N, C-alpha and C. Protein backbone atom coordinates (compact mmCIF):
# COMPACT_ATOMS: atom_id res chain seq x y z
N MET A 1 0.83 -1.17 0.01
CA MET A 1 0.01 0.00 -0.01
C MET A 1 0.90 1.25 0.02
N ALA A 2 0.72 2.15 -0.95
CA ALA A 2 1.53 3.31 -1.10
C ALA A 2 1.05 4.40 -0.15
N GLN A 3 1.98 5.06 0.45
CA GLN A 3 1.64 6.15 1.40
C GLN A 3 1.61 7.45 0.62
N THR A 4 0.50 8.21 0.78
CA THR A 4 0.35 9.47 0.06
C THR A 4 0.68 10.62 1.03
N LEU A 5 1.37 11.62 0.46
CA LEU A 5 1.74 12.80 1.26
C LEU A 5 0.59 13.80 1.22
N PRO A 6 0.42 14.55 2.31
CA PRO A 6 -0.59 15.62 2.32
C PRO A 6 -0.32 16.63 1.24
N VAL A 7 -1.37 17.30 0.78
CA VAL A 7 -1.24 18.30 -0.27
C VAL A 7 -0.28 19.42 0.13
N GLY A 8 0.66 19.73 -0.71
CA GLY A 8 1.58 20.82 -0.49
C GLY A 8 2.90 20.37 0.25
N LEU A 9 2.86 19.19 0.80
CA LEU A 9 4.09 18.72 1.56
C LEU A 9 5.24 18.47 0.62
N LYS A 10 4.97 17.87 -0.54
CA LYS A 10 6.05 17.58 -1.48
C LYS A 10 6.69 18.89 -1.97
N GLU A 11 5.87 19.91 -2.24
CA GLU A 11 6.41 21.22 -2.69
C GLU A 11 7.25 21.86 -1.59
N LEU A 12 6.77 21.76 -0.35
CA LEU A 12 7.47 22.31 0.79
C LEU A 12 8.80 21.65 0.95
N LEU A 13 8.83 20.33 0.88
CA LEU A 13 10.09 19.57 1.06
C LEU A 13 11.06 19.92 -0.08
N ASP A 14 10.54 20.09 -1.28
CA ASP A 14 11.42 20.46 -2.41
C ASP A 14 12.00 21.85 -2.20
N GLU A 15 11.21 22.78 -1.71
CA GLU A 15 11.70 24.19 -1.47
C GLU A 15 12.75 24.18 -0.34
N LEU A 16 12.63 23.28 0.62
CA LEU A 16 13.60 23.24 1.73
C LEU A 16 14.99 22.88 1.31
N GLU A 17 15.09 22.18 0.17
CA GLU A 17 16.43 21.80 -0.31
C GLU A 17 17.28 23.05 -0.68
N ASP A 18 16.63 24.12 -1.14
CA ASP A 18 17.30 25.31 -1.58
C ASP A 18 17.24 26.45 -0.56
N TYR A 19 16.51 26.26 0.52
CA TYR A 19 16.31 27.29 1.52
C TYR A 19 17.44 27.26 2.55
N ALA A 20 17.93 28.45 2.94
CA ALA A 20 18.96 28.55 3.99
C ALA A 20 18.38 29.25 5.19
N PRO A 21 17.89 28.54 6.22
CA PRO A 21 17.32 29.18 7.40
C PRO A 21 18.37 29.94 8.23
N ALA A 22 17.90 30.77 9.11
CA ALA A 22 18.81 31.57 9.98
C ALA A 22 19.61 30.65 10.92
N VAL A 23 19.01 29.53 11.31
CA VAL A 23 19.73 28.55 12.16
C VAL A 23 20.46 27.63 11.23
N PRO A 24 21.83 27.62 11.25
CA PRO A 24 22.56 26.81 10.27
C PRO A 24 22.34 25.32 10.48
N ASP A 25 22.45 24.59 9.38
CA ASP A 25 22.26 23.11 9.38
C ASP A 25 23.18 22.45 10.40
N GLU A 26 24.41 22.93 10.42
CA GLU A 26 25.41 22.31 11.31
C GLU A 26 24.99 22.42 12.77
N LEU A 27 24.45 23.54 13.15
CA LEU A 27 24.02 23.71 14.51
C LEU A 27 22.81 22.79 14.85
N THR A 28 21.89 22.70 13.91
CA THR A 28 20.77 21.80 14.09
C THR A 28 21.21 20.35 14.17
N GLN A 29 22.09 19.96 13.26
CA GLN A 29 22.60 18.57 13.31
C GLN A 29 23.32 18.28 14.60
N TYR A 30 24.12 19.24 15.09
CA TYR A 30 24.79 19.05 16.36
C TYR A 30 23.79 18.85 17.50
N ALA A 31 22.74 19.67 17.56
CA ALA A 31 21.71 19.54 18.59
C ALA A 31 21.01 18.20 18.47
N LEU A 32 20.71 17.81 17.28
CA LEU A 32 20.06 16.47 17.05
C LEU A 32 20.94 15.34 17.48
N ARG A 33 22.28 15.44 17.17
CA ARG A 33 23.21 14.38 17.60
C ARG A 33 23.31 14.33 19.10
N GLN A 34 23.34 15.49 19.76
CA GLN A 34 23.42 15.54 21.20
C GLN A 34 22.20 14.91 21.85
N SER A 35 21.08 14.93 21.17
CA SER A 35 19.85 14.35 21.73
C SER A 35 19.71 12.87 21.28
N GLY A 36 20.66 12.36 20.52
CA GLY A 36 20.65 10.96 20.16
C GLY A 36 20.07 10.65 18.78
N TYR A 37 19.88 11.64 17.95
CA TYR A 37 19.31 11.43 16.62
C TYR A 37 20.24 11.92 15.56
N ASP A 38 20.72 11.02 14.69
CA ASP A 38 21.63 11.39 13.63
C ASP A 38 20.88 11.38 12.34
N CYS A 39 20.56 12.55 11.84
CA CYS A 39 19.71 12.71 10.64
C CYS A 39 20.55 13.02 9.43
N LYS A 40 20.40 12.26 8.38
CA LYS A 40 21.11 12.45 7.14
C LYS A 40 20.33 13.21 6.10
N ASP A 41 19.01 13.32 6.30
CA ASP A 41 18.14 13.99 5.35
C ASP A 41 18.21 15.51 5.54
N VAL A 42 18.71 16.22 4.58
CA VAL A 42 18.90 17.68 4.70
C VAL A 42 17.53 18.37 4.83
N ARG A 43 16.52 17.84 4.20
CA ARG A 43 15.19 18.50 4.30
C ARG A 43 14.65 18.43 5.70
N THR A 44 14.86 17.31 6.38
CA THR A 44 14.37 17.18 7.72
C THR A 44 15.10 18.09 8.65
N VAL A 45 16.44 18.19 8.47
CA VAL A 45 17.27 19.11 9.27
C VAL A 45 16.82 20.53 9.07
N ARG A 46 16.54 20.90 7.81
CA ARG A 46 16.10 22.28 7.54
C ARG A 46 14.72 22.55 8.08
N MET A 47 13.87 21.56 8.11
CA MET A 47 12.51 21.74 8.69
C MET A 47 12.64 22.04 10.19
N ILE A 48 13.52 21.28 10.86
CA ILE A 48 13.78 21.53 12.27
C ILE A 48 14.43 22.90 12.49
N SER A 49 15.31 23.29 11.56
CA SER A 49 15.92 24.62 11.67
C SER A 49 14.92 25.71 11.50
N VAL A 50 13.94 25.54 10.60
CA VAL A 50 12.89 26.51 10.43
C VAL A 50 12.04 26.61 11.70
N ALA A 51 11.75 25.46 12.31
CA ALA A 51 10.97 25.45 13.55
C ALA A 51 11.74 26.18 14.67
N ALA A 52 13.03 25.96 14.74
CA ALA A 52 13.89 26.63 15.75
C ALA A 52 13.92 28.13 15.47
N GLN A 53 13.99 28.51 14.22
CA GLN A 53 14.00 29.91 13.82
C GLN A 53 12.70 30.59 14.26
N ARG A 54 11.59 29.88 14.03
CA ARG A 54 10.29 30.42 14.41
C ARG A 54 10.20 30.57 15.93
N PHE A 55 10.73 29.58 16.67
CA PHE A 55 10.71 29.68 18.15
C PHE A 55 11.54 30.87 18.63
N LEU A 56 12.74 31.01 18.06
CA LEU A 56 13.58 32.14 18.43
C LEU A 56 12.93 33.45 18.13
N ALA A 57 12.24 33.56 16.98
CA ALA A 57 11.55 34.77 16.62
C ALA A 57 10.46 35.13 17.60
N GLN A 58 9.73 34.11 18.05
CA GLN A 58 8.66 34.31 19.04
C GLN A 58 9.23 34.77 20.37
N VAL A 59 10.31 34.14 20.80
CA VAL A 59 10.90 34.55 22.10
C VAL A 59 11.46 35.97 22.03
N LEU A 60 12.09 36.29 20.94
CA LEU A 60 12.63 37.67 20.79
C LEU A 60 11.50 38.70 20.69
N GLU A 61 10.41 38.34 20.03
CA GLU A 61 9.26 39.26 20.02
C GLU A 61 8.67 39.47 21.38
N GLU A 62 8.59 38.37 22.14
CA GLU A 62 8.08 38.52 23.52
C GLU A 62 9.06 39.33 24.38
N ALA A 63 10.38 39.20 24.21
CA ALA A 63 11.35 39.96 24.94
C ALA A 63 11.22 41.45 24.53
N TYR A 64 10.97 41.74 23.30
CA TYR A 64 10.79 43.14 22.84
C TYR A 64 9.55 43.71 23.50
N ASN A 65 8.50 42.94 23.59
CA ASN A 65 7.28 43.41 24.26
C ASN A 65 7.52 43.66 25.73
N ALA A 66 8.28 42.80 26.37
CA ALA A 66 8.65 43.06 27.78
C ALA A 66 9.46 44.34 27.92
N HIS A 67 10.35 44.56 27.00
CA HIS A 67 11.17 45.80 26.99
C HIS A 67 10.25 47.00 26.88
N LYS A 68 9.29 46.97 25.94
CA LYS A 68 8.38 48.05 25.77
C LYS A 68 7.55 48.33 27.01
N LEU A 69 7.08 47.26 27.66
CA LEU A 69 6.33 47.44 28.92
C LEU A 69 7.18 48.10 30.00
N ARG A 70 8.42 47.67 30.07
CA ARG A 70 9.33 48.27 31.07
C ARG A 70 9.59 49.72 30.78
N GLN A 71 9.72 50.10 29.54
CA GLN A 71 9.94 51.48 29.14
C GLN A 71 8.75 52.37 29.49
N MET A 72 7.57 51.78 29.51
CA MET A 72 6.34 52.53 29.78
C MET A 72 6.13 52.77 31.30
N ALA A 73 6.96 52.16 32.09
CA ALA A 73 6.84 52.30 33.55
C ALA A 73 7.14 53.72 33.97
N PRO A 74 6.60 54.15 35.08
CA PRO A 74 6.90 55.51 35.58
C PRO A 74 8.38 55.70 35.80
N ALA A 75 8.87 56.94 35.62
CA ALA A 75 10.30 57.21 35.78
C ALA A 75 10.83 56.82 37.12
N ALA A 76 10.06 57.09 38.16
CA ALA A 76 10.51 56.79 39.55
C ALA A 76 10.76 55.28 39.70
N LYS A 77 9.85 54.47 39.11
CA LYS A 77 9.99 53.02 39.22
C LYS A 77 11.19 52.54 38.41
N LEU A 78 11.41 53.13 37.27
CA LEU A 78 12.59 52.76 36.41
C LEU A 78 13.87 53.06 37.18
N LYS A 79 13.91 54.24 37.77
CA LYS A 79 15.11 54.64 38.49
C LYS A 79 15.35 53.76 39.70
N GLU A 80 14.30 53.38 40.35
CA GLU A 80 14.38 52.44 41.50
C GLU A 80 14.92 51.07 41.06
N ALA A 81 14.56 50.66 39.87
CA ALA A 81 15.04 49.38 39.34
C ALA A 81 16.46 49.42 38.81
N GLY A 82 17.04 50.62 38.74
CA GLY A 82 18.42 50.74 38.30
C GLY A 82 18.52 51.12 36.82
N TYR A 83 17.44 51.59 36.19
CA TYR A 83 17.47 52.04 34.81
C TYR A 83 17.46 53.53 34.75
N ASP A 84 18.01 54.08 33.67
CA ASP A 84 17.98 55.48 33.41
C ASP A 84 16.66 55.82 32.66
N PRO A 85 15.76 56.56 33.26
CA PRO A 85 14.47 56.83 32.59
C PRO A 85 14.65 57.60 31.29
N LYS A 86 15.75 58.35 31.15
CA LYS A 86 15.99 59.15 29.93
C LYS A 86 16.54 58.27 28.74
N ASP A 87 17.04 57.10 29.08
CA ASP A 87 17.61 56.23 28.07
C ASP A 87 16.47 55.53 27.28
N LYS A 88 16.36 55.89 26.03
CA LYS A 88 15.28 55.35 25.20
C LYS A 88 15.79 54.34 24.11
N ARG A 89 17.02 53.83 24.32
CA ARG A 89 17.60 52.88 23.40
C ARG A 89 16.81 51.57 23.43
N GLU A 90 16.76 50.95 22.26
CA GLU A 90 16.15 49.59 22.17
C GLU A 90 17.29 48.62 22.58
N LEU A 91 17.16 48.03 23.76
CA LEU A 91 18.24 47.20 24.30
C LEU A 91 17.64 45.93 24.85
N LEU A 92 18.14 44.79 24.43
CA LEU A 92 17.70 43.52 24.93
C LEU A 92 18.48 43.27 26.24
N THR A 93 17.72 43.15 27.34
CA THR A 93 18.38 42.88 28.61
C THR A 93 18.09 41.43 29.01
N VAL A 94 18.89 40.93 29.95
CA VAL A 94 18.72 39.59 30.42
C VAL A 94 17.34 39.45 31.08
N GLU A 95 16.93 40.50 31.77
CA GLU A 95 15.63 40.46 32.45
C GLU A 95 14.50 40.29 31.46
N ASP A 96 14.54 41.01 30.34
CA ASP A 96 13.52 40.91 29.30
C ASP A 96 13.54 39.50 28.71
N LEU A 97 14.72 38.97 28.47
CA LEU A 97 14.84 37.64 27.89
C LEU A 97 14.35 36.52 28.82
N VAL A 98 14.61 36.70 30.13
CA VAL A 98 14.15 35.77 31.14
C VAL A 98 12.62 35.75 31.15
N LYS A 99 12.00 36.94 31.12
CA LYS A 99 10.52 37.00 31.11
C LYS A 99 9.96 36.34 29.88
N ALA A 100 10.57 36.57 28.72
CA ALA A 100 10.08 36.00 27.46
C ALA A 100 10.24 34.47 27.48
N CYS A 101 11.40 34.01 27.92
CA CYS A 101 11.61 32.54 27.95
C CYS A 101 10.65 31.89 28.95
N ASP A 102 10.38 32.55 30.03
CA ASP A 102 9.47 32.04 31.06
C ASP A 102 8.06 31.80 30.44
N GLU A 103 7.69 32.69 29.52
CA GLU A 103 6.38 32.51 28.84
C GLU A 103 6.27 31.22 28.08
N TYR A 104 7.42 30.72 27.60
CA TYR A 104 7.44 29.49 26.82
C TYR A 104 7.91 28.29 27.61
N GLY A 105 8.01 28.42 28.93
CA GLY A 105 8.42 27.34 29.76
C GLY A 105 9.90 27.06 29.87
N VAL A 106 10.72 27.97 29.39
CA VAL A 106 12.16 27.82 29.44
C VAL A 106 12.67 28.61 30.64
N LYS A 107 13.23 27.93 31.63
CA LYS A 107 13.71 28.56 32.83
C LYS A 107 15.17 28.94 32.66
N ILE A 108 15.46 30.21 32.93
CA ILE A 108 16.85 30.69 32.86
C ILE A 108 17.21 31.26 34.23
N ALA A 109 18.34 30.80 34.71
CA ALA A 109 18.87 31.27 36.01
C ALA A 109 20.12 32.09 35.76
N ARG A 110 20.23 33.18 36.48
CA ARG A 110 21.42 33.98 36.32
C ARG A 110 22.63 33.25 36.92
N ALA A 111 23.81 33.45 36.38
CA ALA A 111 25.00 32.85 36.92
C ALA A 111 25.21 33.44 38.29
N PRO A 112 25.79 32.62 39.23
CA PRO A 112 25.98 33.09 40.59
C PRO A 112 26.73 34.40 40.71
N TYR A 113 27.69 34.64 39.80
CA TYR A 113 28.48 35.86 39.87
C TYR A 113 27.71 37.08 39.28
N LEU A 114 26.52 36.84 38.76
CA LEU A 114 25.71 37.93 38.21
C LEU A 114 24.44 38.16 39.01
N THR A 115 24.36 37.62 40.22
CA THR A 115 23.10 37.73 40.98
C THR A 115 22.88 39.12 41.50
N ALA A 116 23.91 39.83 41.85
CA ALA A 116 23.73 41.23 42.33
C ALA A 116 23.71 42.18 41.14
N LYS A 117 22.73 43.12 41.18
CA LYS A 117 22.63 44.11 40.12
C LYS A 117 23.69 45.13 40.33
N PRO A 118 24.30 45.64 39.24
CA PRO A 118 25.33 46.68 39.37
C PRO A 118 24.68 47.96 39.79
N GLN A 119 25.43 48.80 40.51
CA GLN A 119 24.89 50.04 41.07
C GLN A 119 25.25 51.17 40.19
């Protein structure tokens, strides 16, 4: 009995052969090997790379939203937290990234030597 592919899957797999995702194939293959899966099919590796790229984009978008929320806080609260209220730069901080990763169930702990905030 022949197995049929869902509509559009063949075209997607063919396009993945020429697509270069932001997450390199070598990095994806390394992560797969570390988890015990050695994949030789480039299309499968690229599909996983695209999924990883999508996940990273979502986490970074969430971190950006956390940054925007922090910037909208009152100046007194920003100063109390150690931020300069006049600084309007778009800056990814560890705190924003921790909040974003927490939304997706990824727990990040600060290194012991970074536990105290600089003054």
